[in-house]
Amino acid sequence: MSMENEGRRHFHRVRFDGRAFLTFESGDELPVELMDLSLQGALVRTADPLPEDRHTAYGYLRVPLNPDFHILLMVQVVRMDGHDLGLRVTQMDLESAQHLRRIVELNLGDPELLNRDLAALVNT
């Protein structure tokens, strides 16, 4: 296992190259490039840097998996570095949690890795 994979296993992160959409409380939707995803957070890249008033904004991250389904995560911006945003996941619905867990399991190969993290985030 490479050091990069070992680091991702430690943080339960999955490299994710794809499009996602960040919607803020104001209703503004921003297309973003999703680079990294876990039950705890995500790393996304924006086309333009976010205004300073969004530094700690809450919103939703929608990750399309196919034309009929997406993962929806409630997130908070916790870090801004130019075009890169660090997002902390604060809550998700059960269906999104199940799909995200499966994606992480398939990529990290350990179904027991996420049991303790999942329950605290699921909005039932």
Protein backbone atom coordinates (compact mmCIF):
# COMPACT_ATOMS: atom_id res chain seq x y z
CA MET A 1 0.00 0.00 0.00
CA SER A 2 1.41 3.38 -0.95
CA MET A 3 1.91 6.14 1.63
CA GLU A 4 -0.85 8.15 -0.08
CA ASN A 5 -3.35 5.28 0.35
CA GLU A 6 -2.16 4.72 3.93
CA GLY A 7 -2.87 8.37 4.74
CA ARG A 8 -6.32 8.20 3.20
CA ARG A 9 -7.08 5.00 5.13
CA HIS A 10 -6.09 6.75 8.38
CA PHE A 11 -8.52 9.60 7.73
CA HIS A 12 -11.18 7.46 5.99
CA ARG A 13 -10.89 9.67 2.91
CA VAL A 14 -11.54 8.76 -0.69
CA ARG A 15 -10.00 10.61 -3.61
CA PHE A 16 -12.90 11.84 -5.68
CA ASP A 17 -12.53 13.52 -9.03
CA GLY A 18 -15.86 14.92 -10.05
CA ARG A 19 -18.36 17.74 -10.06
CA ALA A 20 -20.40 18.68 -7.01
CA PHE A 21 -22.57 21.62 -6.03
CA LEU A 22 -22.25 23.73 -2.89
CA THR A 23 -25.45 25.54 -1.89
CA PHE A 24 -25.26 28.18 0.83
CA GLU A 25 -27.99 29.21 3.29
CA SER A 26 -28.74 32.19 1.04
CA GLY A 27 -29.72 29.78 -1.76
CA ASP A 28 -26.69 30.59 -3.93
CA GLU A 29 -25.42 27.44 -5.66
CA LEU A 30 -21.78 27.14 -6.62
CA PRO A 31 -20.42 24.37 -8.88
CA VAL A 32 -17.22 22.93 -7.39
CA GLU A 33 -14.65 20.27 -8.22
CA LEU A 34 -14.77 17.57 -5.55
CA MET A 35 -11.27 16.34 -4.80
CA ASP A 36 -11.55 14.40 -1.54
CA LEU A 37 -14.50 13.05 0.43
CA SER A 38 -15.09 11.34 3.77
CA LEU A 39 -17.77 11.07 6.44
CA GLN A 40 -16.03 13.90 8.27
CA GLY A 41 -15.48 16.35 5.44
CA ALA A 42 -14.58 17.19 1.89
CA LEU A 43 -12.02 19.14 -0.05
CA VAL A 44 -13.39 21.08 -3.02
CA ARG A 45 -11.96 23.55 -5.52
CA THR A 46 -13.87 26.58 -6.80
CA ALA A 47 -13.41 28.44 -10.08
CA ASP A 48 -13.12 31.72 -8.14
CA PRO A 49 -12.10 32.33 -4.52
CA LEU A 50 -15.03 32.67 -2.11
CA PRO A 51 -15.82 36.08 -0.64
CA GLU A 52 -14.65 36.51 2.97
CA ASP A 53 -18.24 36.55 4.29
CA ARG A 54 -18.49 32.85 3.35
CA HIS A 55 -15.46 31.88 5.45
CA THR A 56 -17.54 29.97 8.05
CA ALA A 57 -20.75 29.60 6.04
CA TYR A 58 -23.04 26.60 6.37
CA GLY A 59 -24.69 24.96 3.41
CA TYR A 60 -25.23 21.72 1.51
CA LEU A 61 -22.86 19.77 -0.68
CA ARG A 62 -24.65 17.77 -3.38
CA VAL A 63 -22.55 15.05 -5.01
CA PRO A 64 -24.23 13.50 -8.09
CA LEU A 65 -23.51 9.76 -8.31
CA ASN A 66 -25.66 9.15 -11.39
CA PRO A 67 -28.56 10.97 -13.11
CA ASP A 68 -31.05 9.61 -10.56
CA PHE A 69 -29.22 9.86 -7.24
CA HIS A 70 -26.91 12.14 -5.30
CA ILE A 71 -25.33 12.28 -1.87
CA LEU A 72 -26.49 15.32 0.11
CA LEU A 73 -24.34 16.51 3.02
CA MET A 74 -24.85 19.45 5.38
CA VAL A 75 -21.46 21.15 5.58
CA GLN A 76 -19.60 24.10 7.08
CA VAL A 77 -16.68 25.87 5.44
CA VAL A 78 -13.80 25.43 7.87
CA ARG A 79 -10.81 26.35 5.72
CA MET A 80 -10.24 28.55 2.68
CA ASP A 81 -6.97 28.55 0.76
CA GLY A 82 -7.43 30.45 -2.49
CA HIS A 83 -9.62 28.25 -4.66
CA ASP A 84 -9.55 25.30 -2.24
CA LEU A 85 -12.20 24.91 0.46
CA GLY A 86 -12.14 22.53 3.40
CA LEU A 87 -15.65 21.49 4.39
CA ARG A 88 -16.71 19.77 7.61
CA VAL A 89 -19.73 17.47 7.37
CA THR A 90 -22.21 18.30 10.12
CA GLN A 91 -25.14 16.08 9.14
CA MET A 92 -26.54 13.83 6.40
CA ASP A 93 -29.63 11.76 5.68
CA LEU A 94 -29.54 7.97 6.10
CA GLU A 95 -29.57 7.17 2.38
CA SER A 96 -26.66 9.53 1.69
CA ALA A 97 -24.76 8.02 4.64
CA GLN A 98 -25.27 4.50 3.35
CA HIS A 99 -24.05 5.39 -0.14
CA LEU A 100 -21.07 7.34 1.17
CA ARG A 101 -20.13 4.52 3.51
CA ARG A 102 -20.25 2.03 0.64
CA ILE A 103 -18.04 4.26 -1.52
CA VAL A 104 -15.48 4.54 1.28
CA GLU A 105 -15.62 0.79 2.03
CA LEU A 106 -15.04 -0.09 -1.62
CA ASN A 107 -12.10 2.28 -1.86
CA LEU A 108 -10.47 1.48 1.48
CA GLY A 109 -11.44 -2.18 1.72
CA ASP A 110 -12.52 -2.25 5.37
CA PRO A 111 -16.27 -2.39 6.17
CA GLU A 112 -15.71 -1.95 9.93
CA LEU A 113 -13.72 1.25 9.54
CA LEU A 114 -16.64 3.67 9.74
CA ASN A 115 -19.14 2.22 12.24
CA ARG A 116 -18.46 4.72 15.05
CA ASP A 117 -18.45 7.77 12.75
CA LEU A 118 -21.70 7.09 10.92
CA ALA A 119 -24.22 7.24 13.77
CA ALA A 120 -23.23 10.72 14.94
CA LEU A 121 -23.83 12.29 11.53
CA VAL A 122 -27.05 10.67 10.36
CA ASN A 123 -30.18 12.81 10.52
CA THR A 124 -33.02 10.31 11.02
